[in-house]
Amino acid sequence: MVDDLALARHLADLADAITASRFRSRDLAVDRKPDRTPVTDADLAVEDAVRAALAEHRPGDEIAGEERGGQVGAGRTWVLDPIDGTKNFLRGVPAWATLLALVEDGSPVVGMISAPALGRRWEAASGRGAQAGPPGSPEPISVSGVGELADAYVSTTHLGTWVEHHSRESYLRLVDACWENRAFGDFWQHCLVAEGAIDLAAEPIVNPWDVAAVQVIVQEAGGTFTDLSGERTFQGGSALSSNTRLHDGALALLRR
């Protein structure tokens, strides 16, 4: 039987074949979900293809996906976001990816993030480290060694989400304490933390499928992943990735 990380690579290949062919398509079909977020025909096609492949290769595993539902419970669950960054995808911005994670008894043990328009993947398995690079040519990655917030490069998300879901003041405390800030958003900012390009990434609201793969990749790269309360979980509704050295200081600033 193929191991779980190799299977995640296969699933990413299936997803990339669909998303790459639909990216910037003139006939891309776009609908709005009840929460007003967009969903494209590519999102649905990817999730259906991955579910079909998992039914073949891991028929006993559960699946929780953004578009078709499911829950993370005891045992093994594959957590899937067919296209993270759908707004970028439908506007022709290349920063989007398919996110896949295997969760065992509540903890992510395999993570795969594939961004074909960027020509890059990030992957990890518990105890095996994290890697990134073009498909088929990954190299080990690790977080940065920056030790002071005043020297840190932080990425966050849209200010309006901080106002609505957490606190404008805590957002300002964090970015004001850091050397530089940007808003790369979604999966990419956490991947940049894992590979040491930036030092912190914070989001006031996330879904489990947004960050299950992120958690294991950041941790295996030597970083720390928690929610904004400091719990090491992808199911806390928020996210903070760091190079570990800066984590406690960032959490202190983000307290409401």
C-alpha atoms as a PDB file:
ATOM      1  CA  MET A   1       0.000   0.000   0.000  1.00  0.00           C
ATOM      2  CA  VAL A   2       1.245   3.493  -0.857  1.00  0.00           C
ATOM      3  CA  ASP A   3       2.063   5.524   2.259  1.00  0.00           C
ATOM      4  CA  ASP A   4      -0.087   8.461   3.271  1.00  0.00           C
ATOM      5  CA  LEU A   5       2.291  11.222   2.143  1.00  0.00           C
ATOM      6  CA  ALA A   6       2.731   9.564  -1.245  1.00  0.00           C
ATOM      7  CA  LEU A   7      -1.044   9.317  -1.493  1.00  0.00           C
ATOM      8  CA  ALA A   8      -1.339  13.020  -0.659  1.00  0.00           C
ATOM      9  CA  ARG A   9       1.036  13.751  -3.550  1.00  0.00           C
ATOM     10  CA  HIS A  10      -1.164  11.691  -5.859  1.00  0.00           C
ATOM     11  CA  LEU A  11      -4.269  13.545  -4.691  1.00  0.00           C
ATOM     12  CA  ALA A  12      -2.500  16.856  -5.283  1.00  0.00           C
ATOM     13  CA  ASP A  13      -1.665  15.748  -8.828  1.00  0.00           C
ATOM     14  CA  LEU A  14      -5.349  15.036  -9.449  1.00  0.00           C
ATOM     15  CA  ALA A  15      -6.331  18.405  -8.040  1.00  0.00           C
ATOM     16  CA  ASP A  16      -3.692  20.335  -9.980  1.00  0.00           C
ATOM     17  CA  ALA A  17      -4.821  18.818 -13.266  1.00  0.00           C
ATOM     18  CA  ILE A  18      -8.305  20.214 -12.664  1.00  0.00           C
ATOM     19  CA  THR A  19      -7.448  23.602 -11.175  1.00  0.00           C
ATOM     20  CA  ALA A  20      -4.710  24.439 -13.668  1.00  0.00           C
ATOM     21  CA  SER A  21      -7.045  23.713 -16.580  1.00  0.00           C
ATOM     22  CA  ARG A  22      -9.821  25.911 -15.135  1.00  0.00           C
ATOM     23  CA  PHE A  23      -7.667  28.822 -13.940  1.00  0.00           C
ATOM     24  CA  ARG A  24      -8.428  31.962 -15.988  1.00  0.00           C
ATOM     25  CA  SER A  25     -11.037  30.058 -18.019  1.00  0.00           C
ATOM     26  CA  ARG A  26     -13.574  32.314 -19.695  1.00  0.00           C
ATOM     27  CA  ASP A  27     -16.393  29.872 -18.934  1.00  0.00           C
ATOM     28  CA  LEU A  28     -15.602  29.424 -15.219  1.00  0.00           C
ATOM     29  CA  ALA A  29     -18.891  29.010 -13.349  1.00  0.00           C
ATOM     30  CA  VAL A  30     -19.112  30.913 -10.051  1.00  0.00           C
ATOM     31  CA  ASP A  31     -21.850  30.715  -7.405  1.00  0.00           C
ATOM     32  CA  ARG A  32     -22.246  32.146  -3.917  1.00  0.00           C
ATOM     33  CA  LYS A  33     -22.661  29.950  -0.867  1.00  0.00           C
ATOM     34  CA  PRO A  34     -24.998  30.922   1.996  1.00  0.00           C
ATOM     35  CA  ASP A  35     -22.098  32.652   3.787  1.00  0.00           C
ATOM     36  CA  ARG A  36     -21.588  34.779   0.645  1.00  0.00           C
ATOM     37  CA  THR A  37     -18.205  33.219  -0.146  1.00  0.00           C
ATOM     38  CA  PRO A  38     -17.695  32.164  -3.767  1.00  0.00           C
ATOM     39  CA  VAL A  39     -17.492  28.614  -5.065  1.00  0.00           C
ATOM     40  CA  THR A  40     -16.463  27.671  -8.613  1.00  0.00           C
ATOM     41  CA  ASP A  41     -17.018  24.593 -10.722  1.00  0.00           C
ATOM     42  CA  ALA A  42     -13.336  23.814 -10.150  1.00  0.00           C
ATOM     43  CA  ASP A  43     -13.814  23.686  -6.350  1.00  0.00           C
ATOM     44  CA  LEU A  44     -16.540  21.096  -6.735  1.00  0.00           C
ATOM     45  CA  ALA A  45     -14.686  19.071  -9.378  1.00  0.00           C
ATOM     46  CA  VAL A  46     -11.541  18.864  -7.217  1.00  0.00           C
ATOM     47  CA  GLU A  47     -13.390  17.767  -4.107  1.00  0.00           C
ATOM     48  CA  ASP A  48     -15.318  15.117  -6.042  1.00  0.00           C
ATOM     49  CA  ALA A  49     -12.142  13.780  -7.667  1.00  0.00           C
ATOM     50  CA  VAL A  50     -10.269  13.594  -4.360  1.00  0.00           C
ATOM     51  CA  ARG A  51     -13.191  11.903  -2.647  1.00  0.00           C
ATOM     52  CA  ALA A  52     -13.375   9.321  -5.425  1.00  0.00           C
ATOM     53  CA  ALA A  53      -9.641   8.597  -5.155  1.00  0.00           C
ATOM     54  CA  LEU A  54      -9.828   8.260  -1.372  1.00  0.00           C
ATOM     55  CA  ALA A  55     -12.788   5.897  -1.703  1.00  0.00           C
ATOM     56  CA  GLU A  56     -10.531   3.709  -3.835  1.00  0.00           C
ATOM     57  CA  HIS A  57      -7.287   3.950  -1.850  1.00  0.00           C
ATOM     58  CA  ARG A  58      -8.520   4.523   1.731  1.00  0.00           C
ATOM     59  CA  PRO A  59     -12.112   3.263   1.851  1.00  0.00           C
ATOM     60  CA  GLY A  60     -12.123   3.084   5.641  1.00  0.00           C
ATOM     61  CA  ASP A  61     -11.108   6.711   6.186  1.00  0.00           C
ATOM     62  CA  GLU A  62     -13.507   9.579   6.788  1.00  0.00           C
ATOM     63  CA  ILE A  63     -13.476  12.764   4.691  1.00  0.00           C
ATOM     64  CA  ALA A  64     -14.299  16.338   5.708  1.00  0.00           C
ATOM     65  CA  GLY A  65     -14.336  18.818   2.843  1.00  0.00           C
ATOM     66  CA  GLU A  66     -15.276  22.447   2.458  1.00  0.00           C
ATOM     67  CA  GLU A  67     -17.812  21.865  -0.305  1.00  0.00           C
ATOM     68  CA  ARG A  68     -19.326  18.419   0.414  1.00  0.00           C
ATOM     69  CA  GLY A  69     -19.220  18.396   4.201  1.00  0.00           C
ATOM     70  CA  GLY A  70     -18.144  15.866   6.797  1.00  0.00           C
ATOM     71  CA  GLN A  71     -16.779  16.011  10.331  1.00  0.00           C
ATOM     72  CA  VAL A  72     -13.399  15.415  11.950  1.00  0.00           C
ATOM     73  CA  GLY A  73     -13.916  12.672  14.506  1.00  0.00           C
ATOM     74  CA  ALA A  74     -11.977   9.837  16.090  1.00  0.00           C
ATOM     75  CA  GLY A  75      -9.741   7.741  13.883  1.00  0.00           C
ATOM     76  CA  ARG A  76      -8.533   8.855  10.452  1.00  0.00           C
ATOM     77  CA  THR A  77     -10.078  11.779   8.579  1.00  0.00           C
ATOM     78  CA  TRP A  78      -8.852  13.459   5.405  1.00  0.00           C
ATOM     79  CA  VAL A  79      -9.522  17.198   5.590  1.00  0.00           C
ATOM     80  CA  LEU A  80      -9.811  18.937   2.230  1.00  0.00           C
ATOM     81  CA  ASP A  81     -10.004  22.481   0.921  1.00  0.00           C
ATOM     82  CA  PRO A  82     -10.228  22.062  -2.857  1.00  0.00           C
ATOM     83  CA  ILE A  83      -9.242  25.674  -3.560  1.00  0.00           C
ATOM     84  CA  ASP A  84      -8.030  27.892  -0.747  1.00  0.00           C
ATOM     85  CA  GLY A  85      -8.001  31.434  -2.102  1.00  0.00           C
ATOM     86  CA  THR A  86     -11.054  31.058  -4.333  1.00  0.00           C
ATOM     87  CA  LYS A  87     -11.384  34.841  -4.678  1.00  0.00           C
ATOM     88  CA  ASN A  88      -7.854  34.945  -6.082  1.00  0.00           C
ATOM     89  CA  PHE A  89      -8.609  31.970  -8.332  1.00  0.00           C
ATOM     90  CA  LEU A  90     -11.691  33.502  -9.904  1.00  0.00           C
ATOM     91  CA  ARG A  91     -10.002  36.885 -10.410  1.00  0.00           C
ATOM     92  CA  GLY A  92      -6.915  35.403 -12.067  1.00  0.00           C
ATOM     93  CA  VAL A  93      -4.530  36.010  -9.147  1.00  0.00           C
ATOM     94  CA  PRO A  94      -2.128  33.021  -8.919  1.00  0.00           C
ATOM     95  CA  ALA A  95      -2.005  32.758  -5.085  1.00  0.00           C
ATOM     96  CA  TRP A  96      -4.370  29.824  -4.452  1.00  0.00           C
ATOM     97  CA  ALA A  97      -3.873  26.173  -3.567  1.00  0.00           C
ATOM     98  CA  THR A  98      -5.415  22.820  -2.803  1.00  0.00           C
ATOM     99  CA  LEU A  99      -5.011  21.877   0.867  1.00  0.00           C
ATOM    100  CA  LEU A 100      -5.034  18.248   2.033  1.00  0.00           C
ATOM    101  CA  ALA A 101      -4.438  16.893   5.518  1.00  0.00           C
ATOM    102  CA  LEU A 102      -4.706  13.518   7.189  1.00  0.00           C
ATOM    103  CA  VAL A 103      -5.902  13.874  10.774  1.00  0.00           C
ATOM    104  CA  GLU A 104      -5.523  10.961  13.190  1.00  0.00           C
ATOM    105  CA  ASP A 105      -7.441  11.151  16.477  1.00  0.00           C
ATOM    106  CA  GLY A 106      -7.700  14.925  16.177  1.00  0.00           C
ATOM    107  CA  SER A 107      -4.082  15.698  15.227  1.00  0.00           C
ATOM    108  CA  PRO A 108      -2.851  16.416  11.680  1.00  0.00           C
ATOM    109  CA  VAL A 109      -0.144  13.926  10.719  1.00  0.00           C
ATOM    110  CA  VAL A 110       0.184  14.603   6.969  1.00  0.00           C
ATOM    111  CA  GLY A 111      -0.133  17.936   5.204  1.00  0.00           C
ATOM    112  CA  MET A 112      -0.023  18.816   1.523  1.00  0.00           C
ATOM    113  CA  ILE A 113      -0.474  22.295   0.022  1.00  0.00           C
ATOM    114  CA  SER A 114      -0.229  22.489  -3.757  1.00  0.00           C
ATOM    115  CA  ALA A 115      -0.204  25.828  -5.578  1.00  0.00           C
ATOM    116  CA  PRO A 116       0.229  24.996  -9.273  1.00  0.00           C
ATOM    117  CA  ALA A 117      -0.002  28.584 -10.512  1.00  0.00           C
ATOM    118  CA  LEU A 118       2.956  29.376  -8.239  1.00  0.00           C
ATOM    119  CA  GLY A 119       4.715  26.173  -9.307  1.00  0.00           C
ATOM    120  CA  ARG A 120       5.203  25.151  -5.689  1.00  0.00           C
ATOM    121  CA  ARG A 121       4.139  22.621  -3.073  1.00  0.00           C
ATOM    122  CA  TRP A 122       4.611  22.402   0.670  1.00  0.00           C
ATOM    123  CA  GLU A 123       4.349  19.038   2.404  1.00  0.00           C
ATOM    124  CA  ALA A 124       5.042  17.342   5.718  1.00  0.00           C
ATOM    125  CA  ALA A 125       4.460  14.156   7.679  1.00  0.00           C
ATOM    126  CA  SER A 126       4.833  13.803  11.432  1.00  0.00           C
ATOM    127  CA  GLY A 127       8.410  13.006  12.378  1.00  0.00           C
ATOM    128  CA  ARG A 128       9.655  13.381   8.794  1.00  0.00           C
ATOM    129  CA  GLY A 129      10.161  17.135   8.547  1.00  0.00           C
ATOM    130  CA  ALA A 130       8.700  19.603   6.058  1.00  0.00           C
ATOM    131  CA  GLN A 131       9.609  20.148   2.430  1.00  0.00           C
ATOM    132  CA  ALA A 132       8.774  22.583  -0.350  1.00  0.00           C
ATOM    133  CA  GLY A 133       9.534  23.138  -4.008  1.00  0.00           C
ATOM    134  CA  PRO A 134       8.247  22.289  -7.461  1.00  0.00           C
ATOM    135  CA  PRO A 135       6.217  19.056  -7.663  1.00  0.00           C
ATOM    136  CA  GLY A 136       8.619  16.135  -7.650  1.00  0.00           C
ATOM    137  CA  SER A 137      11.573  18.190  -6.399  1.00  0.00           C
ATOM    138  CA  PRO A 138      10.926  19.133  -2.772  1.00  0.00           C
ATOM    139  CA  GLU A 139      13.711  20.293  -0.464  1.00  0.00           C
ATOM    140  CA  PRO A 140      13.746  20.546   3.343  1.00  0.00           C
ATOM    141  CA  ILE A 141      12.494  23.819   4.801  1.00  0.00           C
ATOM    142  CA  SER A 142      12.691  25.413   8.224  1.00  0.00           C
ATOM    143  CA  VAL A 143      11.424  28.516   9.982  1.00  0.00           C
ATOM    144  CA  SER A 144      13.475  31.659  10.509  1.00  0.00           C
ATOM    145  CA  GLY A 145      15.740  32.441  13.445  1.00  0.00           C
ATOM    146  CA  VAL A 146      14.378  35.941  14.122  1.00  0.00           C
ATOM    147  CA  GLY A 147      14.102  36.392  17.868  1.00  0.00           C
ATOM    148  CA  GLU A 148      12.612  39.852  18.389  1.00  0.00           C
ATOM    149  CA  LEU A 149       9.225  41.172  17.301  1.00  0.00           C
ATOM    150  CA  ALA A 150      10.893  44.452  16.351  1.00  0.00           C
ATOM    151  CA  ASP A 151      12.803  42.507  13.662  1.00  0.00           C
ATOM    152  CA  ALA A 152       9.851  40.373  12.561  1.00  0.00           C
ATOM    153  CA  TYR A 153       8.014  40.228   9.243  1.00  0.00           C
ATOM    154  CA  VAL A 154       4.318  39.519   9.869  1.00  0.00           C
ATOM    155  CA  SER A 155       1.454  38.733   7.505  1.00  0.00           C
ATOM    156  CA  THR A 156      -2.186  39.080   8.447  1.00  0.00           C
ATOM    157  CA  THR A 157      -5.509  39.221   6.628  1.00  0.00           C
ATOM    158  CA  HIS A 158      -8.152  41.817   5.790  1.00  0.00           C
ATOM    159  CA  LEU A 159      -8.563  44.348   8.610  1.00  0.00           C
ATOM    160  CA  GLY A 160     -12.345  44.027   8.467  1.00  0.00           C
ATOM    161  CA  THR A 161     -12.162  40.415   9.639  1.00  0.00           C
ATOM    162  CA  TRP A 162     -10.158  41.495  12.690  1.00  0.00           C
ATOM    163  CA  VAL A 163     -12.765  44.108  13.537  1.00  0.00           C
ATOM    164  CA  GLU A 164     -15.625  41.627  13.115  1.00  0.00           C
ATOM    165  CA  HIS A 165     -14.127  38.486  14.635  1.00  0.00           C
ATOM    166  CA  HIS A 166     -11.413  39.546  17.073  1.00  0.00           C
ATOM    167  CA  SER A 167     -10.173  43.074  17.733  1.00  0.00           C
ATOM    168  CA  ARG A 168      -8.896  46.024  15.718  1.00  0.00           C
ATOM    169  CA  GLU A 169      -6.743  47.035  18.692  1.00  0.00           C
ATOM    170  CA  SER A 170      -4.980  43.680  18.973  1.00  0.00           C
ATOM    171  CA  TYR A 171      -4.318  43.686  15.225  1.00  0.00           C
ATOM    172  CA  LEU A 172      -2.733  47.137  15.488  1.00  0.00           C
ATOM    173  CA  ARG A 173      -0.662  46.104  18.511  1.00  0.00           C
ATOM    174  CA  LEU A 174       0.821  43.205  16.578  1.00  0.00           C
ATOM    175  CA  VAL A 175       1.622  45.004  13.334  1.00  0.00           C
ATOM    176  CA  ASP A 176       2.949  48.061  15.157  1.00  0.00           C
ATOM    177  CA  ALA A 177       5.307  45.861  17.180  1.00  0.00           C
ATOM    178  CA  CYS A 178       6.808  44.249  14.061  1.00  0.00           C
ATOM    179  CA  TRP A 179       9.399  45.489  11.601  1.00  0.00           C
ATOM    180  CA  GLU A 180       7.261  44.898   8.480  1.00  0.00           C
ATOM    181  CA  ASN A 181       3.745  43.740   7.690  1.00  0.00           C
ATOM    182  CA  ARG A 182       1.899  42.562   4.611  1.00  0.00           C
ATOM    183  CA  ALA A 183      -1.320  40.692   3.921  1.00  0.00           C
ATOM    184  CA  PHE A 184      -0.409  37.673   1.795  1.00  0.00           C
ATOM    185  CA  GLY A 185      -3.496  35.940   3.166  1.00  0.00           C
ATOM    186  CA  ASP A 186      -4.863  32.423   3.191  1.00  0.00           C
ATOM    187  CA  PHE A 187      -2.505  29.426   2.992  1.00  0.00           C
ATOM    188  CA  TRP A 188       0.453  31.308   1.511  1.00  0.00           C
ATOM    189  CA  GLN A 189       1.341  33.367   4.573  1.00  0.00           C
ATOM    190  CA  HIS A 190       1.604  30.244   6.743  1.00  0.00           C
ATOM    191  CA  CYS A 191       3.734  28.503   4.123  1.00  0.00           C
ATOM    192  CA  LEU A 192       6.041  31.513   4.047  1.00  0.00           C
ATOM    193  CA  VAL A 193       6.453  31.143   7.810  1.00  0.00           C
ATOM    194  CA  ALA A 194       7.294  27.454   7.394  1.00  0.00           C
ATOM    195  CA  GLU A 195      10.021  28.176   4.867  1.00  0.00           C
ATOM    196  CA  GLY A 196      11.478  31.078   6.851  1.00  0.00           C
ATOM    197  CA  ALA A 197      10.599  33.862   4.409  1.00  0.00           C
ATOM    198  CA  ILE A 198       8.472  35.616   7.045  1.00  0.00           C
ATOM    199  CA  ASP A 199       8.201  35.111  10.793  1.00  0.00           C
ATOM    200  CA  LEU A 200       4.515  35.326  11.774  1.00  0.00           C
ATOM    201  CA  ALA A 201       1.111  34.818  10.176  1.00  0.00           C
ATOM    202  CA  ALA A 202      -2.164  35.546  11.966  1.00  0.00           C
ATOM    203  CA  GLU A 203      -5.833  35.087  11.078  1.00  0.00           C
ATOM    204  CA  PRO A 204      -8.820  35.982  13.288  1.00  0.00           C
ATOM    205  CA  ILE A 205     -11.171  33.492  11.630  1.00  0.00           C
ATOM    206  CA  VAL A 206     -10.510  30.183   9.869  1.00  0.00           C
ATOM    207  CA  ASN A 207     -12.227  26.884   9.195  1.00  0.00           C
ATOM    208  CA  PRO A 208     -10.590  23.521   9.958  1.00  0.00           C
ATOM    209  CA  TRP A 209      -9.935  22.806   6.280  1.00  0.00           C
ATOM    210  CA  ASP A 210      -8.074  26.143   5.976  1.00  0.00           C
ATOM    211  CA  VAL A 211      -5.344  25.195   8.441  1.00  0.00           C
ATOM    212  CA  ALA A 212      -5.201  21.444   9.126  1.00  0.00           C
ATOM    213  CA  ALA A 213      -2.438  21.007   6.543  1.00  0.00           C
ATOM    214  CA  VAL A 214      -0.815  24.243   7.690  1.00  0.00           C
ATOM    215  CA  GLN A 215      -0.468  22.985  11.273  1.00  0.00           C
ATOM    216  CA  VAL A 216       1.628  19.927  10.501  1.00  0.00           C
ATOM    217  CA  ILE A 217       3.748  21.726   7.882  1.00  0.00           C
ATOM    218  CA  VAL A 218       4.592  24.623  10.212  1.00  0.00           C
ATOM    219  CA  GLN A 219       5.306  22.297  13.130  1.00  0.00           C
ATOM    220  CA  GLU A 220       7.505  19.964  11.104  1.00  0.00           C
ATOM    221  CA  ALA A 221       9.444  23.011   9.851  1.00  0.00           C
ATOM    222  CA  GLY A 222      10.275  23.854  13.476  1.00  0.00           C
ATOM    223  CA  GLY A 223       7.539  26.424  13.992  1.00  0.00           C
ATOM    224  CA  THR A 224       4.521  26.691  16.251  1.00  0.00           C
ATOM    225  CA  PHE A 225       0.868  26.725  15.255  1.00  0.00           C
ATOM    226  CA  THR A 226      -1.990  27.624  17.613  1.00  0.00           C
ATOM    227  CA  ASP A 227      -5.273  29.451  17.615  1.00  0.00           C
ATOM    228  CA  LEU A 228      -5.286  33.001  18.974  1.00  0.00           C
ATOM    229  CA  SER A 229      -5.931  31.713  22.498  1.00  0.00           C
ATOM    230  CA  GLY A 230      -2.753  29.640  22.363  1.00  0.00           C
ATOM    231  CA  GLU A 231      -4.316  26.199  21.885  1.00  0.00           C
ATOM    232  CA  ARG A 232      -2.401  23.887  19.529  1.00  0.00           C
ATOM    233  CA  THR A 233      -5.404  23.073  17.366  1.00  0.00           C
ATOM    234  CA  PHE A 234      -6.588  23.604  13.819  1.00  0.00           C
ATOM    235  CA  GLN A 235     -10.196  23.601  15.051  1.00  0.00           C
ATOM    236  CA  GLY A 236     -10.068  26.723  17.232  1.00  0.00           C
ATOM    237  CA  GLY A 237     -11.522  29.092  14.647  1.00  0.00           C
ATOM    238  CA  SER A 238      -8.406  31.286  14.378  1.00  0.00           C
ATOM    239  CA  ALA A 239      -4.728  30.799  13.572  1.00  0.00           C
ATOM    240  CA  LEU A 240      -1.246  31.961  14.498  1.00  0.00           C
ATOM    241  CA  SER A 241       1.851  30.504  12.848  1.00  0.00           C
ATOM    242  CA  SER A 242       5.305  31.514  13.982  1.00  0.00           C
ATOM    243  CA  ASN A 243       8.964  30.576  14.032  1.00  0.00           C
ATOM    244  CA  THR A 244       8.342  29.543  17.693  1.00  0.00           C
ATOM    245  CA  ARG A 245      10.684  32.183  19.156  1.00  0.00           C
ATOM    246  CA  LEU A 246       8.113  34.925  18.594  1.00  0.00           C
ATOM    247  CA  HIS A 247       4.977  32.994  19.453  1.00  0.00           C
ATOM    248  CA  ASP A 248       4.392  33.911  23.074  1.00  0.00           C
ATOM    249  CA  GLY A 249       5.089  37.585  22.447  1.00  0.00           C
ATOM    250  CA  ALA A 250       2.683  37.663  19.525  1.00  0.00           C
ATOM    251  CA  LEU A 251      -0.028  35.911  21.528  1.00  0.00           C
ATOM    252  CA  ALA A 252       0.336  38.459  24.319  1.00  0.00           C
ATOM    253  CA  LEU A 253      -0.250  41.293  21.863  1.00  0.00           C
ATOM    254  CA  LEU A 254      -3.236  39.560  20.286  1.00  0.00           C
ATOM    255  CA  ARG A 255      -5.156  39.100  23.515  1.00  0.00           C
ATOM    256  CA  ARG A 256      -8.303  41.191  23.375  1.00  0.00           C
END
